[in-house]
Amino acid sequence: MVQAVVGANWGDEGKGKIVDVLANKADIVVRYQGGANAGHTIVNKYGKFALHTLPSGVCHPEITNVLGNGVALNIPLVVKEIEDITSKGVPTPKLLISDRAQVVMSYHILFDQCEEERLGGKSFGSTKSGIAPFFSDKYAKIGFQVCELFDDDILNDRIDHILPIKNALLVNLYHKEPLTHEGLLRELHSYRDMVRPYVADTATFLENAIRDGKTILLEGQLGTMKDPDQGIYPMVTSSPTLAGYGAIGAGIAPYEISRIITVSKAYSSAVGAGEFVSEIFGDEADELRRRGGDGGEFGATTGRPRRVGWYDCVASRYGCRLQGATDVAFTVLDDLGYLDEIPVCVAYEIDGKQTTDFPTTPTLRKAKPVWKKMPGWKCDIRGIRKYEDLPEKCRNYVEFIESQIGYPITMVSNGPGRDDIIYRDSPLKK
């Protein structure tokens, strides 16, 4: 059985916690896309961890964790993450890295930083992790696959090919020092040595696991709104964030994905630039940001304060539809217990007309939120394990959101830990 855990919105929905919970019944967890430009936060008996590239199953010693071919692989950061978690008592994880994954080079990070500086006020809000330059090279067919690290003839030829391209930009556009053949070869050799213990034909490994009846979790990064095709282009990431890409990024057949758990927060948040209709500001935003998440709404990778807003039913319905949600995991519900009433964005007003359809970016820029206010429950709901034990007004909020988005909310998270989860029988579940 293959299940995908993906984001409905702008990312930061709490996918790491949901994967960590579901991993109790999984054999394999696969990260299939993205890079170190966004993180997943998990809290368990070992402590609190912000994972950037490692799959969220790494705190389960019995699970095999896989970095698939669709991942932007920053090898030094992966090794550092392993060292960081094991230094806090986590057993050394079982990790396999696809021999077809491509390598993030130091110059990808340099180019990312230089371009954001050049754009100034028109920048994309990049985390400066090298992701856009990395994917640009991948699709220009001038990147380095992991398997190529072990063939010096390939490395030397590729370096000779890319040096004139990179140096022309570095020297003439960004006014930086040029790269050298010797420096790049040395960097690639160091990556080869670091990654050697983990390299595997992960596609064949996963095919055999499926035949053996293993349970596999596919873990996506960010959410629908950051997808380069279906999201708020151009303020998007550089790899597909939809569950449909899980088959490609993991190297399995698409029909093997039988369940898609789409994660959506009980309010909205986002890191980086881009359209965000239900965003709030000032003291109202500061209070939600302070109370939100475990320790506040700050990016797991960047540490940047997240933009926050109230729940957006228009964006979430669209996000769940594009993901193909079979289940919705509704997270951080406990963070809203301080409110007398909770605004919910139920429609957009565009040029004087209301719509519940999520538009393209140029039209989205004109959208204003249409609010409906729900009564708050004014109490702490952490520790509750049964849905029927939640306050009535809390259940009304969950069920109103479900009716608006049209997808079954079958998991409700009411705290940061593995045990802070409520399973629910939804009337929409087929």
Protein backbone atom coordinates (compact mmCIF):
# COMPACT_ATOMS: atom_id res chain seq x y z
CA MET A 1 0.00 0.00 0.00
CA VAL A 2 1.32 3.43 -0.97
CA GLN A 3 0.02 6.57 0.74
CA ALA A 4 1.01 10.17 0.01
CA VAL A 5 1.11 12.97 2.58
CA VAL A 6 0.96 16.37 0.88
CA GLY A 7 0.04 19.98 1.60
CA ALA A 8 -3.21 21.68 0.63
CA ASN A 9 -2.01 25.25 0.92
CA TRP A 10 1.26 27.23 0.98
CA GLY A 11 3.31 24.68 2.88
CA ASP A 12 3.97 24.67 6.63
CA GLU A 13 0.73 22.73 7.21
CA GLY A 14 2.20 20.20 9.63
CA LYS A 15 2.98 17.38 7.21
CA GLY A 16 6.02 16.23 9.20
CA LYS A 17 3.88 15.51 12.26
CA ILE A 18 1.31 13.58 10.18
CA VAL A 19 4.04 11.48 8.54
CA ASP A 20 5.59 10.86 11.95
CA VAL A 21 2.20 9.64 13.24
CA LEU A 22 1.42 7.45 10.23
CA ALA A 23 4.94 6.01 10.25
CA ASN A 24 3.91 3.89 13.22
CA LYS A 25 2.21 1.61 10.69
CA ALA A 26 4.62 2.09 7.79
CA ASP A 27 7.65 0.18 6.58
CA ILE A 28 9.17 2.85 4.30
CA VAL A 29 9.01 6.66 4.14
CA VAL A 30 10.00 8.36 0.88
CA ARG A 31 10.80 12.01 0.31
CA TYR A 32 10.12 12.39 -3.41
CA GLN A 33 10.61 16.07 -4.32
CA GLY A 34 11.95 19.44 -3.23
CA GLY A 35 15.14 20.19 -1.38
CA ALA A 36 16.40 21.84 1.77
CA ASN A 37 14.42 25.02 1.08
CA ALA A 38 11.57 24.05 3.43
CA GLY A 39 11.41 21.94 6.54
CA HIS A 40 9.15 19.58 8.44
CA THR A 41 8.91 19.90 12.21
CA ILE A 42 8.27 16.80 14.30
CA VAL A 43 8.03 16.34 18.06
CA ASN A 44 8.51 12.95 19.71
CA LYS A 45 10.18 11.25 22.66
CA TYR A 46 13.63 12.28 21.38
CA GLY A 47 12.74 15.97 21.26
CA LYS A 48 11.78 18.54 18.64
CA PHE A 49 13.37 18.33 15.19
CA ALA A 50 13.26 20.56 12.12
CA LEU A 51 14.03 18.25 9.20
CA HIS A 52 14.99 19.88 5.92
CA THR A 53 15.74 16.98 3.57
CA LEU A 54 15.58 13.78 5.59
CA PRO A 55 12.21 11.98 5.46
CA SER A 56 10.05 12.37 8.56
CA GLY A 57 10.34 8.66 9.34
CA VAL A 58 13.94 8.94 10.51
CA CYS A 59 12.96 8.89 14.19
CA HIS A 60 11.47 5.40 13.76
CA PRO A 61 14.47 3.05 13.91
CA GLU A 62 12.62 0.18 12.23
CA ILE A 63 11.69 2.22 9.13
CA THR A 64 13.68 2.48 5.90
CA ASN A 65 13.86 6.10 4.73
CA VAL A 66 14.36 6.92 1.07
CA LEU A 67 15.43 10.09 -0.73
CA GLY A 68 13.99 9.58 -4.19
CA ASN A 69 15.20 10.63 -7.61
CA GLY A 70 12.99 13.75 -7.52
CA VAL A 71 14.85 15.30 -4.59
CA ALA A 72 17.28 18.20 -4.89
CA LEU A 73 20.08 16.53 -2.94
CA ASN A 74 22.30 18.79 -0.85
CA ILE A 75 24.66 16.07 0.35
CA PRO A 76 26.52 17.99 3.10
CA LEU A 77 23.21 19.07 4.62
CA VAL A 78 21.87 15.51 4.59
CA VAL A 79 24.98 14.28 6.40
CA LYS A 80 24.72 17.16 8.90
CA GLU A 81 21.07 16.34 9.57
CA ILE A 82 21.96 12.73 10.32
CA GLU A 83 24.66 13.92 12.72
CA ASP A 84 22.26 16.37 14.37
CA ILE A 85 19.50 13.86 15.08
CA THR A 86 21.82 11.09 16.25
CA SER A 87 23.54 13.53 18.62
CA LYS A 88 20.15 13.92 20.35
CA GLY A 89 19.69 10.20 20.89
CA VAL A 90 17.88 9.17 17.72
CA PRO A 91 19.21 5.79 16.50
CA THR A 92 21.13 6.04 13.24
CA PRO A 93 18.39 5.93 10.61
CA LYS A 94 18.17 3.44 7.79
CA LEU A 95 18.62 5.66 4.75
CA LEU A 96 18.75 4.97 1.01
CA ILE A 97 19.50 7.67 -1.56
CA SER A 98 18.50 7.23 -5.18
CA ASP A 99 21.37 6.76 -7.62
CA ARG A 100 19.32 8.94 -10.00
CA ALA A 101 18.91 11.88 -7.62
CA GLN A 102 20.71 15.05 -8.68
CA VAL A 103 23.19 16.99 -6.60
CA VAL A 104 22.87 20.56 -5.34
CA MET A 105 26.21 22.24 -5.97
CA SER A 106 27.67 25.13 -3.97
CA TYR A 107 27.37 27.33 -7.05
CA HIS A 108 23.60 26.72 -7.13
CA ILE A 109 23.38 28.34 -3.71
CA LEU A 110 25.70 31.15 -4.83
CA PHE A 111 23.59 31.86 -7.93
CA ASP A 112 20.40 31.83 -5.86
CA GLN A 113 21.85 34.40 -3.45
CA CYS A 114 23.20 36.58 -6.24
CA GLU A 115 19.93 36.65 -8.16
CA GLU A 116 17.86 37.55 -5.09
CA GLU A 117 20.28 40.39 -4.39
CA ARG A 118 20.09 41.55 -8.01
CA LEU A 119 16.27 41.54 -8.00
CA GLY A 120 16.10 43.52 -4.77
CA GLY A 121 12.50 44.51 -4.04
CA LYS A 122 11.23 42.31 -6.87
CA SER A 123 12.78 39.14 -5.47
CA PHE A 124 10.84 35.87 -5.18
CA GLY A 125 11.40 35.49 -1.45
CA SER A 126 13.76 32.58 -2.05
CA THR A 127 15.26 30.71 0.90
CA LYS A 128 18.55 30.99 -1.03
CA SER A 129 19.04 27.22 -0.86
CA GLY A 130 19.95 26.93 -4.53
CA ILE A 131 16.72 25.24 -5.57
CA ALA A 132 15.76 27.30 -8.64
CA PRO A 133 19.30 27.23 -10.14
CA PHE A 134 19.48 23.51 -9.36
CA PHE A 135 16.28 22.66 -11.24
CA SER A 136 17.25 25.02 -14.05
CA ASP A 137 20.43 22.96 -14.54
CA LYS A 138 18.56 19.66 -14.17
CA TYR A 139 16.21 20.46 -17.03
CA ALA A 140 18.99 22.04 -19.06
CA LYS A 141 20.70 18.63 -18.69
CA ILE A 142 23.88 20.01 -17.14
CA GLY A 143 23.40 18.69 -13.59
CA PHE A 144 25.14 15.82 -11.82
CA GLN A 145 23.33 12.61 -10.94
CA VAL A 146 24.52 10.70 -7.88
CA CYS A 147 25.55 7.73 -10.02
CA GLU A 148 27.83 10.02 -12.05
CA LEU A 149 29.86 10.96 -8.99
CA PHE A 150 31.70 7.63 -9.33
CA ASP A 151 32.93 8.23 -12.89
CA ASP A 152 35.69 10.84 -13.24
CA ASP A 153 35.51 10.86 -17.03
CA ILE A 154 31.88 12.01 -16.84
CA LEU A 155 32.68 14.56 -14.15
CA ASN A 156 35.59 16.10 -16.06
CA ASP A 157 33.61 16.34 -19.30
CA ARG A 158 30.62 17.88 -17.54
CA ILE A 159 32.76 20.41 -15.69
CA ASP A 160 34.42 21.46 -18.94
CA HIS A 161 30.97 21.95 -20.45
CA ILE A 162 29.45 24.03 -17.65
CA LEU A 163 32.41 26.22 -16.65
CA PRO A 164 32.07 28.72 -19.53
CA ILE A 165 28.31 28.98 -18.91
CA LYS A 166 28.57 29.55 -15.18
CA ASN A 167 31.57 31.86 -15.29
CA ALA A 168 30.02 34.08 -17.95
CA LEU A 169 27.18 34.82 -15.54
CA LEU A 170 29.26 34.94 -12.38
CA VAL A 171 31.84 37.36 -13.74
CA ASN A 172 29.80 39.53 -16.10
CA LEU A 173 26.37 39.67 -14.42
CA TYR A 174 27.09 39.16 -10.73
CA HIS A 175 30.73 40.40 -10.64
CA LYS A 176 31.97 37.39 -8.64
CA GLU A 177 35.12 35.33 -8.85
CA PRO A 178 35.04 32.56 -11.51
CA LEU A 179 34.75 28.87 -10.70
CA THR A 180 37.69 26.55 -11.41
CA HIS A 181 37.82 23.01 -12.75
CA GLU A 182 39.95 21.84 -9.83
CA GLY A 183 37.61 23.36 -7.26
CA LEU A 184 34.50 21.75 -8.74
CA LEU A 185 36.13 18.34 -9.10
CA ARG A 186 37.27 18.50 -5.50
CA GLU A 187 33.75 19.39 -4.39
CA LEU A 188 32.23 16.51 -6.36
CA HIS A 189 34.75 14.03 -4.95
CA SER A 190 33.87 15.12 -1.41
CA TYR A 191 30.18 14.55 -2.18
CA ARG A 192 30.97 11.13 -3.60
CA ASP A 193 32.70 10.10 -0.39
CA MET A 194 29.87 11.38 1.80
CA VAL A 195 27.02 9.78 -0.14
CA ARG A 196 28.66 6.41 -0.92
CA PRO A 197 27.19 4.47 2.08
CA TYR A 198 23.61 5.36 1.13
CA VAL A 199 23.44 5.01 -2.67
CA ALA A 200 20.94 2.50 -4.02
CA ASP A 201 18.62 1.71 -6.90
CA THR A 202 15.67 2.97 -4.87
CA ALA A 203 13.11 2.52 -7.66
CA THR A 204 13.79 -1.22 -7.75
CA PHE A 205 13.82 -1.32 -3.95
CA LEU A 206 10.36 0.28 -3.84
CA GLU A 207 9.00 -1.95 -6.60
CA ASN A 208 10.05 -5.03 -4.62
CA ALA A 209 8.58 -3.56 -1.43
CA ILE A 210 5.23 -3.00 -3.14
CA ARG A 211 5.23 -6.61 -4.38
CA ASP A 212 5.97 -7.76 -0.83
CA GLY A 213 2.96 -5.87 0.51
CA LYS A 214 4.95 -3.24 2.43
CA THR A 215 3.33 0.02 3.54
CA ILE A 216 5.01 3.04 1.95
CA LEU A 217 4.50 6.71 2.80
CA LEU A 218 5.36 9.34 0.20
CA GLU A 219 6.20 12.68 1.80
CA GLY A 220 5.79 15.88 -0.18
CA GLN A 221 7.24 19.33 0.49
CA LEU A 222 5.32 22.62 0.59
CA GLY A 223 1.73 22.67 -0.75
CA THR A 224 -0.52 23.16 -3.76
CA MET A 225 -0.14 26.95 -3.87
CA LYS A 226 3.62 26.55 -4.37
CA ASP A 227 3.31 24.16 -7.33
CA PRO A 228 4.98 25.63 -10.44
CA ASP A 229 2.03 24.70 -12.67
CA GLN A 230 -1.06 24.96 -10.47
CA GLY A 231 0.13 27.40 -7.80
CA ILE A 232 0.52 31.18 -7.46
CA TYR A 233 3.06 31.46 -10.27
CA PRO A 234 5.66 32.96 -10.34
CA MET A 235 5.90 32.98 -6.52
CA VAL A 236 6.22 29.20 -6.43
CA THR A 237 8.85 26.58 -5.82
CA SER A 238 10.77 24.82 -8.59
CA SER A 239 9.53 21.24 -8.33
CA PRO A 240 5.95 19.89 -8.46
CA THR A 241 4.29 19.82 -5.04
CA LEU A 242 1.34 17.62 -6.04
CA ALA A 243 0.75 14.00 -5.08
CA GLY A 244 0.70 13.09 -8.76
CA TYR A 245 4.44 13.79 -8.92
CA GLY A 246 5.00 11.26 -6.13
CA ALA A 247 5.08 8.43 -8.63
CA ILE A 248 7.72 10.19 -10.74
CA GLY A 249 9.87 11.46 -7.87
CA ALA A 250 9.88 8.09 -6.14
CA GLY A 251 10.12 5.95 -9.28
CA ILE A 252 6.91 3.92 -8.89
CA ALA A 253 3.78 3.37 -10.99
CA PRO A 254 1.11 6.07 -10.51
CA TYR A 255 -1.68 3.58 -9.88
CA GLU A 256 0.11 2.32 -6.77
CA ILE A 257 -0.84 5.46 -4.80
CA SER A 258 -4.11 4.46 -3.15
CA ARG A 259 -4.52 7.07 -0.40
CA ILE A 260 -3.69 10.80 -0.43
CA ILE A 261 -3.72 12.50 2.97
CA THR A 262 -3.83 16.24 2.29
CA VAL A 263 -2.78 18.34 5.27
CA SER A 264 -4.46 21.67 5.99
CA LYS A 265 -4.01 23.99 8.97
CA ALA A 266 -6.93 25.24 11.05
CA TYR A 267 -5.71 28.71 10.03
CA SER A 268 -3.38 29.78 7.22
CA SER A 269 0.35 30.50 7.12
CA ALA A 270 3.07 30.91 4.54
CA VAL A 271 6.78 31.64 4.21
CA GLY A 272 7.91 33.76 1.30
CA ALA A 273 6.25 36.10 -1.15
CA GLY A 274 3.09 35.59 -3.16
CA GLU A 275 -0.67 36.11 -3.14
CA PHE A 276 -2.34 35.27 0.20
CA VAL A 277 -5.93 36.53 0.26
CA SER A 278 -6.81 35.69 3.87
CA GLU A 279 -3.62 37.21 5.32
CA ILE A 280 -3.90 39.31 8.47
CA PHE A 281 -1.55 41.98 9.82
CA GLY A 282 -0.61 43.99 12.87
CA ASP A 283 -1.47 42.97 16.43
CA GLU A 284 -3.99 40.39 15.25
CA ALA A 285 -1.30 38.63 13.19
CA ASP A 286 1.33 38.95 15.92
CA GLU A 287 -0.93 37.26 18.45
CA LEU A 288 -1.78 34.36 16.12
CA ARG A 289 1.87 34.01 15.14
CA ARG A 290 2.94 33.93 18.78
CA ARG A 291 0.38 31.30 19.75
CA GLY A 292 0.62 29.31 16.53
CA GLY A 293 2.61 26.10 16.15
CA ASP A 294 4.84 24.66 18.85
CA GLY A 295 6.87 27.70 19.79
CA GLY A 296 5.42 30.14 17.27
CA GLU A 297 4.98 30.54 13.54
CA PHE A 298 8.54 30.67 12.24
CA GLY A 299 9.94 28.75 9.25
CA ALA A 300 11.52 25.39 10.11
CA THR A 301 14.33 26.02 7.62
CA THR A 302 14.68 29.80 7.49
CA GLY A 303 13.57 30.87 10.95
CA ARG A 304 11.65 33.67 9.22
CA PRO A 305 8.34 34.80 10.76
CA ARG A 306 5.58 33.17 8.77
CA ARG A 307 2.86 35.25 7.22
CA VAL A 308 -0.42 34.24 8.86
CA GLY A 309 -4.11 34.51 8.10
CA TRP A 310 -7.46 32.93 8.81
CA TYR A 311 -8.61 29.74 7.15
CA ASP A 312 -9.15 30.08 3.40
CA CYS A 313 -11.84 27.70 2.16
CA VAL A 314 -11.42 28.77 -1.47
CA ALA A 315 -7.70 28.00 -1.56
CA SER A 316 -8.09 24.82 0.49
CA ARG A 317 -10.87 23.38 -1.68
CA TYR A 318 -8.72 24.03 -4.73
CA GLY A 319 -5.65 22.60 -3.02
CA CYS A 320 -7.43 19.40 -1.98
CA ARG A 321 -8.86 18.95 -5.48
CA LEU A 322 -5.50 19.30 -7.19
CA GLN A 323 -3.90 16.89 -4.72
CA GLY A 324 -6.69 14.35 -5.22
CA ALA A 325 -7.37 14.21 -1.48
CA THR A 326 -8.92 11.03 -0.14
CA ASP A 327 -8.46 12.29 3.45
CA VAL A 328 -7.78 15.66 5.05
CA ALA A 329 -5.61 15.99 8.16
CA PHE A 330 -6.65 19.17 9.98
CA THR A 331 -3.76 20.46 12.10
CA VAL A 332 -3.01 22.95 14.92
CA LEU A 333 -6.68 23.23 15.91
CA ASP A 334 -5.55 23.71 19.50
CA ASP A 335 -3.91 27.02 18.62
CA LEU A 336 -7.28 28.73 18.15
CA GLY A 337 -8.62 28.20 21.67
CA TYR A 338 -7.92 31.80 22.73
CA LEU A 339 -10.38 33.40 20.30
CA ASP A 340 -13.92 34.63 21.03
CA GLU A 341 -14.77 34.22 17.37
CA ILE A 342 -12.84 32.88 14.40
CA PRO A 343 -13.08 34.45 10.93
CA VAL A 344 -13.18 32.06 7.96
CA CYS A 345 -12.70 33.11 4.34
CA VAL A 346 -15.59 31.45 2.47
CA ALA A 347 -15.37 33.27 -0.87
CA TYR A 348 -13.41 35.89 -2.80
CA GLU A 349 -14.78 39.19 -4.04
CA ILE A 350 -13.26 40.09 -7.41
CA ASP A 351 -14.40 43.18 -9.32
CA GLY A 352 -17.56 43.36 -7.22
CA LYS A 353 -18.56 39.70 -7.72
CA GLN A 354 -18.18 36.80 -5.32
CA THR A 355 -16.62 33.50 -6.34
CA THR A 356 -15.62 30.26 -4.64
CA ASP A 357 -13.34 29.23 -7.52
CA PHE A 358 -9.61 29.76 -7.08
CA PRO A 359 -8.41 32.01 -9.95
CA THR A 360 -5.13 32.46 -11.79
CA THR A 361 -2.56 34.76 -10.23
CA PRO A 362 -3.35 38.00 -12.13
CA THR A 363 -7.00 37.75 -11.06
CA LEU A 364 -6.07 36.57 -7.57
CA ARG A 365 -4.20 39.83 -7.01
CA LYS A 366 -7.57 41.63 -7.10
CA ALA A 367 -9.34 39.26 -4.70
CA LYS A 368 -10.68 40.35 -1.34
CA PRO A 369 -11.76 37.86 1.33
CA VAL A 370 -15.43 37.31 2.18
CA TRP A 371 -15.61 36.41 5.85
CA LYS A 372 -17.91 34.31 7.97
CA LYS A 373 -17.30 34.43 11.72
CA MET A 374 -17.56 31.24 13.75
CA PRO A 375 -17.87 31.22 17.56
CA GLY A 376 -14.71 30.20 19.42
CA TRP A 377 -14.61 27.51 22.10
CA LYS A 378 -12.37 29.44 24.54
CA CYS A 379 -10.58 26.48 26.13
CA ASP A 380 -7.56 24.21 25.80
CA ILE A 381 -8.32 21.06 23.80
CA ARG A 382 -4.93 19.37 24.12
CA GLY A 383 -5.15 15.92 25.65
CA ILE A 384 -8.57 15.11 24.16
CA ARG A 385 -8.44 11.81 22.25
CA LYS A 386 -12.04 11.37 21.04
CA TYR A 387 -13.73 13.64 18.55
CA GLU A 388 -17.03 13.61 20.45
CA ASP A 389 -15.20 14.93 23.53
CA LEU A 390 -14.21 18.16 21.79
CA PRO A 391 -16.29 21.22 22.71
CA GLU A 392 -19.39 21.57 20.53
CA LYS A 393 -18.23 24.88 19.07
CA CYS A 394 -14.89 23.29 18.17
CA ARG A 395 -16.65 20.42 16.38
CA ASN A 396 -18.89 22.95 14.63
CA TYR A 397 -15.79 24.71 13.32
CA VAL A 398 -14.29 21.46 11.96
CA GLU A 399 -17.57 20.42 10.36
CA PHE A 400 -18.15 23.86 8.83
CA ILE A 401 -14.70 23.79 7.22
CA GLU A 402 -15.35 20.26 5.94
CA SER A 403 -18.67 21.33 4.39
CA GLN A 404 -16.97 24.25 2.68
CA ILE A 405 -14.02 22.37 1.19
CA GLY A 406 -16.00 19.20 0.35
CA TYR A 407 -13.32 16.71 1.39
CA PRO A 408 -13.39 14.40 4.45
CA ILE A 409 -11.53 15.55 7.55
CA THR A 410 -10.52 12.21 9.07
CA MET A 411 -7.62 13.34 11.29
CA VAL A 412 -7.56 16.29 13.70
CA SER A 413 -4.29 17.35 15.32
CA ASN A 414 -4.68 19.04 18.71
CA GLY A 415 -1.06 19.32 19.82
CA PRO A 416 2.53 18.90 18.62
CA GLY A 417 3.22 15.34 19.81
CA ARG A 418 2.57 11.97 18.16
CA ASP A 419 -0.26 11.23 20.57
CA ASP A 420 -2.00 14.55 19.98
CA ILE A 421 -4.19 13.22 17.19
CA ILE A 422 -7.90 12.50 16.90
CA TYR A 423 -9.28 10.11 14.28
CA ARG A 424 -12.73 10.93 12.96
CA ASP A 425 -15.39 9.15 10.91
CA SER A 426 -16.35 11.72 8.29
CA PRO A 427 -19.72 11.56 6.53
CA LEU A 428 -17.88 12.51 3.33
CA LYS A 429 -15.52 9.52 3.50
CA LYS A 430 -16.37 7.06 0.74
